[in-house]
Amino acid sequence: MPHSERTPEERFEGLPDFPFEPSYREYGGLRLAHIDVGDGAPVVFFHGEPTWSFLWRKVIGPVRDAGYRCIAPDLPGFGRSDKPTELEWYSYDRHVEYTAPLLERFDLRDATIVVHDWGGPIGLRLAVEHPDRIARIVVLDTGLFTGRQKMTAAWTAFRDFVGRTEDLPVGFLVRGACKHDPGNEVVAAYEAPYATPASKAGARAFPLMLPTDPSMAGAAAGQRVLDALGGDTRPKLVLWADSDPVIPLETGHRFAAALGTEVDHVIADASHFLQEDAGAEIGAHIADWLTSS
């Protein structure tokens, strides 16, 4: 059982525009959190680095109101989920292992997944490994890491900064990757899960474990998922920010083509955390696509 920290609940009091109550499940010695709102066919939202289900608050409203059940897990190390404190605990395989039981717990069928950032490699792998449960895929500013992908200078600088910074300034990083300043309350909500520097191990681990060579851990799995999705005929919706310095729109076009599709909507005036810059617009695009497909 990993040594982990649990964020005191009072740190989550007064979150802006986030009225959703958490639900909890146990797996592998950890208490893992998710939100579950609305009724209808399930839509599962996977966050990435260094965010949590709070990221999806503006997107969920329009999707829920269109008649869908919205589920957003907090990955181990993030949000209200327990936080293993050893960097070495975190891996691509382990994140998938700890997230997959959510599909089984709710016996999800005909589900749509919505993925962003590191939620892409995790959610897209679940789509490949559980095709009986996941019927549609929505992709936002993400990729699959095979060790062959080209990384931007912005990402390399970010990785190097994370590698030397134990007390990672999570809110500062989120603010810097928004096109419009989300404000101090929102920045504080991204900092809320982390009561100590040690609890930030998960947020530090993601950039450091991203494979930059095909021989690195996780690269072969990423290639397998990419190969499988290239011929996958499930409906896909791809939304991409116009001003993402981490995973630029040009990369989005290439990734969409690798998935056998194209970028359906370019989200104007938005950066990497496009859910902060244009969450309601993104939610409306997803809701319209779901109700018309």
Protein backbone atom coordinates (compact mmCIF):
# COMPACT_ATOMS: atom_id res chain seq x y z
CA MET A 1 0.00 0.00 0.00
CA PRO A 2 1.55 3.36 -1.00
CA HIS A 3 2.23 6.03 1.57
CA SER A 4 -0.22 8.77 0.75
CA GLU A 5 -1.69 12.01 2.02
CA ARG A 6 -5.38 12.94 2.15
CA THR A 7 -6.29 16.59 1.66
CA PRO A 8 -8.29 18.06 4.57
CA GLU A 9 -11.85 18.67 3.41
CA GLU A 10 -11.85 22.27 4.64
CA ARG A 11 -9.39 23.17 1.91
CA PHE A 12 -12.20 22.64 -0.61
CA GLU A 13 -14.69 24.96 1.06
CA GLY A 14 -16.01 27.83 -1.04
CA LEU A 15 -14.78 26.66 -4.44
CA PRO A 16 -16.04 29.09 -7.12
CA ASP A 17 -18.77 27.81 -9.44
CA PHE A 18 -18.24 24.22 -8.30
CA PRO A 19 -21.42 23.07 -6.52
CA PHE A 20 -20.78 19.37 -7.12
CA GLU A 21 -20.53 17.03 -4.14
CA PRO A 22 -17.76 14.40 -4.27
CA SER A 23 -18.30 10.66 -4.27
CA TYR A 24 -15.61 8.19 -3.23
CA ARG A 25 -14.45 4.69 -4.06
CA GLU A 26 -11.58 2.56 -2.78
CA TYR A 27 -8.94 0.88 -4.92
CA GLY A 28 -5.43 -0.37 -4.21
CA GLY A 29 -5.24 1.18 -0.77
CA LEU A 30 -6.34 4.64 -1.91
CA ARG A 31 -9.56 6.60 -1.57
CA LEU A 32 -10.35 8.01 -5.01
CA ALA A 33 -12.82 10.82 -5.68
CA HIS A 34 -15.16 11.63 -8.54
CA ILE A 35 -18.19 13.77 -9.23
CA ASP A 36 -21.34 12.26 -10.72
CA VAL A 37 -24.18 14.56 -11.78
CA GLY A 38 -27.16 14.35 -14.12
CA ASP A 39 -29.04 11.48 -15.69
CA GLY A 40 -28.85 9.78 -19.05
CA ALA A 41 -26.12 8.24 -21.17
CA PRO A 42 -22.76 8.61 -19.39
CA VAL A 43 -20.08 11.13 -20.33
CA VAL A 44 -16.76 10.68 -18.49
CA PHE A 45 -14.34 13.61 -18.26
CA PHE A 46 -10.61 12.88 -17.76
CA HIS A 47 -8.41 15.74 -16.53
CA GLY A 48 -4.65 15.92 -16.87
CA GLU A 49 -1.68 17.83 -15.45
CA PRO A 50 -1.83 19.51 -12.91
CA THR A 51 -5.62 19.90 -12.69
CA TRP A 52 -8.57 17.97 -11.24
CA SER A 53 -12.31 17.59 -11.86
CA PHE A 54 -12.71 21.30 -11.05
CA LEU A 55 -11.34 21.89 -14.57
CA TRP A 56 -14.59 20.61 -16.10
CA ARG A 57 -17.08 22.69 -14.09
CA LYS A 58 -18.01 25.04 -16.96
CA VAL A 59 -18.13 22.22 -19.52
CA ILE A 60 -20.33 19.89 -17.48
CA GLY A 61 -23.29 22.26 -17.16
CA PRO A 62 -24.35 22.31 -20.83
CA VAL A 63 -23.74 18.55 -21.21
CA ARG A 64 -25.73 17.68 -18.08
CA ASP A 65 -28.53 20.06 -19.12
CA ALA A 66 -28.71 18.34 -22.52
CA GLY A 67 -29.68 15.11 -20.74
CA TYR A 68 -26.43 13.33 -19.95
CA ARG A 69 -24.87 11.86 -16.83
CA CYS A 70 -21.51 13.56 -16.24
CA ILE A 71 -18.78 11.73 -14.32
CA ALA A 72 -15.40 13.34 -13.66
CA PRO A 73 -12.79 11.39 -11.67
CA ASP A 74 -9.85 12.88 -9.82
CA LEU A 75 -6.77 10.86 -10.74
CA PRO A 76 -4.62 9.47 -7.91
CA GLY A 77 -2.52 12.35 -6.64
CA PHE A 78 -5.01 15.01 -7.72
CA GLY A 79 -8.12 16.77 -6.46
CA ARG A 80 -9.86 15.05 -3.58
CA SER A 81 -8.23 11.70 -4.32
CA ASP A 82 -5.48 10.40 -2.03
CA LYS A 83 -1.98 11.44 -2.97
CA PRO A 84 0.89 8.93 -2.94
CA THR A 85 3.97 10.90 -1.97
CA GLU A 86 6.65 8.98 -3.91
CA LEU A 87 7.36 10.10 -7.46
CA GLU A 88 8.25 6.52 -8.39
CA TRP A 89 4.73 5.30 -7.57
CA TYR A 90 3.29 7.09 -10.58
CA SER A 91 3.34 5.55 -14.06
CA TYR A 92 1.15 5.40 -17.14
CA ASP A 93 0.21 1.79 -16.39
CA ARG A 94 -0.69 2.59 -12.79
CA HIS A 95 -2.93 5.53 -13.70
CA VAL A 96 -4.82 3.32 -16.14
CA GLU A 97 -5.03 0.52 -13.57
CA TYR A 98 -6.51 2.82 -10.92
CA THR A 99 -8.93 4.55 -13.30
CA ALA A 100 -10.36 1.56 -15.19
CA PRO A 101 -12.41 0.23 -12.22
CA LEU A 102 -14.60 3.33 -12.46
CA LEU A 103 -16.03 1.90 -15.69
CA GLU A 104 -16.72 -1.41 -13.98
CA ARG A 105 -18.10 0.10 -10.78
CA PHE A 106 -20.88 1.87 -12.66
CA ASP A 107 -21.13 -0.80 -15.37
CA LEU A 108 -20.89 2.01 -17.91
CA ARG A 109 -22.14 1.23 -21.41
CA ASP A 110 -22.51 3.43 -24.48
CA ALA A 111 -20.29 5.96 -22.74
CA THR A 112 -18.59 9.02 -24.20
CA ILE A 113 -15.14 9.98 -22.92
CA VAL A 114 -13.83 13.55 -22.96
CA VAL A 115 -10.05 13.79 -22.58
CA HIS A 116 -7.54 16.59 -22.08
CA ASP A 117 -3.79 16.72 -21.51
CA TRP A 118 -2.65 13.52 -19.65
CA GLY A 119 -6.30 12.50 -19.50
CA GLY A 120 -5.81 11.72 -23.20
CA PRO A 121 -3.30 8.89 -22.89
CA ILE A 122 -5.27 7.48 -19.95
CA GLY A 123 -8.78 7.83 -21.37
CA LEU A 124 -7.86 6.84 -24.92
CA ARG A 125 -6.15 3.70 -23.63
CA LEU A 126 -9.33 2.84 -21.71
CA ALA A 127 -11.28 3.33 -24.95
CA VAL A 128 -9.01 0.83 -26.72
CA GLU A 129 -9.03 -1.68 -23.85
CA HIS A 130 -12.78 -1.38 -23.07
CA PRO A 131 -14.49 -0.91 -26.46
CA ASP A 132 -17.66 -2.54 -25.12
CA ARG A 133 -18.11 0.35 -22.68
CA ILE A 134 -16.91 3.42 -24.60
CA ALA A 135 -18.82 4.34 -27.74
CA ARG A 136 -17.68 7.91 -28.52
CA ILE A 137 -14.55 9.97 -28.01
CA VAL A 138 -14.04 13.72 -27.52
CA VAL A 139 -10.46 15.00 -27.70
CA LEU A 140 -9.16 18.35 -26.41
CA ASP A 141 -5.50 19.46 -26.58
CA THR A 142 -3.82 16.15 -25.84
CA GLY A 143 -1.78 13.45 -27.54
CA LEU A 144 -0.41 9.96 -27.23
CA PHE A 145 3.17 9.60 -26.10
CA THR A 146 5.18 7.08 -28.11
CA GLY A 147 8.66 8.50 -27.50
CA ARG A 148 8.65 9.62 -31.11
CA GLN A 149 6.45 12.69 -30.67
CA LYS A 150 8.07 16.10 -31.04
CA MET A 151 7.88 18.16 -27.84
CA THR A 152 7.75 21.95 -27.89
CA ALA A 153 10.34 24.18 -26.27
CA ALA A 154 7.59 25.36 -23.90
CA TRP A 155 7.01 21.79 -22.73
CA THR A 156 10.74 21.10 -22.31
CA ALA A 157 11.11 24.21 -20.17
CA PHE A 158 8.11 23.12 -18.12
CA ARG A 159 9.53 19.61 -17.57
CA ASP A 160 12.89 21.00 -16.50
CA PHE A 161 11.21 23.40 -14.09
CA VAL A 162 9.15 20.58 -12.56
CA GLY A 163 12.22 18.40 -12.18
CA ARG A 164 13.95 20.93 -9.94
CA THR A 165 10.90 22.25 -8.04
CA GLU A 166 9.58 20.11 -5.19
CA ASP A 167 6.95 22.64 -4.07
CA LEU A 168 5.35 23.01 -7.50
CA PRO A 169 3.35 26.26 -7.90
CA VAL A 170 0.29 24.53 -9.35
CA GLY A 171 -1.97 27.57 -9.51
CA PHE A 172 0.77 29.64 -11.13
CA LEU A 173 1.20 26.99 -13.83
CA VAL A 174 -2.52 26.85 -14.57
CA ARG A 175 -2.78 30.65 -14.72
CA GLY A 176 0.16 30.78 -17.13
CA ALA A 177 -1.51 28.35 -19.55
CA CYS A 178 -4.82 30.24 -19.72
CA LYS A 179 -5.34 32.89 -22.39
CA HIS A 180 -7.32 34.99 -19.91
CA ASP A 181 -6.42 35.31 -16.24
CA PRO A 182 -8.99 33.12 -14.43
CA GLY A 183 -8.64 35.16 -11.21
CA ASN A 184 -7.29 34.45 -7.77
CA GLU A 185 -10.25 32.37 -6.56
CA VAL A 186 -9.89 29.92 -9.45
CA VAL A 187 -6.11 29.76 -9.05
CA ALA A 188 -6.61 29.01 -5.36
CA ALA A 189 -9.01 26.18 -6.27
CA TYR A 190 -6.25 24.52 -8.28
CA GLU A 191 -3.92 24.88 -5.29
CA ALA A 192 -6.52 23.60 -2.81
CA PRO A 193 -5.77 19.86 -3.18
CA TYR A 194 -2.17 20.30 -2.02
CA ALA A 195 -1.70 20.84 1.71
CA THR A 196 2.04 19.99 1.62
CA PRO A 197 4.86 19.92 -0.94
CA ALA A 198 4.98 16.11 -0.63
CA SER A 199 1.37 15.85 -1.77
CA LYS A 200 2.38 17.34 -5.12
CA ALA A 201 4.28 14.22 -6.19
CA GLY A 202 1.60 13.29 -8.73
CA ALA A 203 1.65 16.73 -10.30
CA ARG A 204 5.43 16.56 -10.49
CA ALA A 205 5.48 13.01 -11.84
CA PHE A 206 3.44 13.48 -15.03
CA PRO A 207 5.97 15.63 -16.95
CA LEU A 208 8.90 13.57 -15.69
CA MET A 209 7.39 10.22 -16.73
CA LEU A 210 6.39 11.32 -20.24
CA PRO A 211 8.44 9.16 -22.62
CA THR A 212 10.71 11.14 -24.92
CA ASP A 213 12.32 8.03 -26.41
CA PRO A 214 10.63 4.83 -27.67
CA SER A 215 12.62 2.77 -25.16
CA MET A 216 11.15 4.58 -22.15
CA ALA A 217 8.39 3.21 -19.93
CA GLY A 218 4.94 3.88 -21.35
CA ALA A 219 6.10 4.47 -24.92
CA ALA A 220 5.15 1.03 -26.25
CA ALA A 221 1.70 1.27 -24.66
CA GLY A 222 1.21 4.71 -26.16
CA GLN A 223 2.18 3.40 -29.60
CA ARG A 224 -0.23 0.48 -29.23
CA VAL A 225 -3.10 2.83 -28.40
CA LEU A 226 -2.23 5.14 -31.29
CA ASP A 227 -2.08 2.25 -33.75
CA ALA A 228 -5.42 0.90 -32.54
CA LEU A 229 -7.19 4.26 -32.80
CA GLY A 230 -5.92 4.91 -36.32
CA GLY A 231 -8.41 2.38 -37.66
CA ASP A 232 -11.07 2.91 -35.01
CA THR A 233 -14.47 3.80 -36.43
CA ARG A 234 -16.13 5.14 -33.28
CA PRO A 235 -17.39 8.73 -33.63
CA LYS A 236 -14.78 11.30 -32.58
CA LEU A 237 -15.07 15.02 -31.89
CA VAL A 238 -11.83 17.01 -31.78
CA LEU A 239 -11.74 20.51 -30.26
CA TRP A 240 -8.49 22.48 -30.06
CA ALA A 241 -7.43 25.86 -28.72
CA ASP A 242 -6.05 28.38 -31.17
CA SER A 243 -3.30 29.60 -28.81
CA ASP A 244 -1.94 26.56 -26.97
CA PRO A 245 1.85 26.89 -26.58
CA VAL A 246 2.22 23.41 -25.05
CA ILE A 247 0.32 21.36 -27.66
CA PRO A 248 -0.15 23.78 -30.58
CA LEU A 249 -3.01 23.70 -33.06
CA GLU A 250 -0.62 22.38 -35.75
CA THR A 251 0.00 19.37 -33.50
CA GLY A 252 -3.76 19.05 -33.02
CA HIS A 253 -4.30 18.76 -36.76
CA ARG A 254 -1.62 16.04 -36.99
CA PHE A 255 -3.05 14.14 -34.02
CA ALA A 256 -6.59 14.31 -35.37
CA ALA A 257 -5.34 12.93 -38.71
CA ALA A 258 -3.59 10.08 -36.87
CA LEU A 259 -6.95 9.27 -35.27
CA GLY A 260 -8.57 9.17 -38.70
CA THR A 261 -10.44 12.44 -38.30
CA GLU A 262 -9.90 16.21 -38.23
CA VAL A 263 -10.18 19.15 -35.84
CA ASP A 264 -13.90 19.89 -35.80
CA HIS A 265 -13.77 23.22 -33.98
CA VAL A 266 -10.91 25.58 -33.27
CA ILE A 267 -11.67 27.30 -29.96
CA ALA A 268 -10.84 30.96 -30.47
CA ASP A 269 -8.91 33.05 -27.97
CA ALA A 270 -8.03 30.04 -25.81
CA SER A 271 -4.82 28.51 -24.48
CA HIS A 272 -3.93 25.07 -23.13
CA PHE A 273 -6.55 25.18 -20.37
CA LEU A 274 -9.28 25.94 -22.88
CA GLN A 275 -11.89 24.81 -20.36
CA GLU A 276 -11.07 27.92 -18.34
CA ASP A 277 -11.02 30.22 -21.36
CA ALA A 278 -14.13 28.86 -23.11
CA GLY A 279 -15.71 26.15 -20.95
CA ALA A 280 -19.37 26.92 -21.71
CA GLU A 281 -18.64 27.05 -25.45
CA ILE A 282 -16.87 23.69 -25.29
CA GLY A 283 -19.75 22.20 -23.30
CA ALA A 284 -22.22 23.45 -25.92
CA HIS A 285 -20.16 21.91 -28.75
CA ILE A 286 -20.09 18.55 -26.95
CA ALA A 287 -23.80 18.65 -26.10
CA ASP A 288 -24.75 19.55 -29.69
CA TRP A 289 -22.57 16.77 -31.08
CA LEU A 290 -23.97 14.19 -28.71
CA THR A 291 -27.59 15.09 -29.35
CA SER A 292 -27.13 15.14 -33.13
CA SER A 293 -25.01 12.00 -33.52
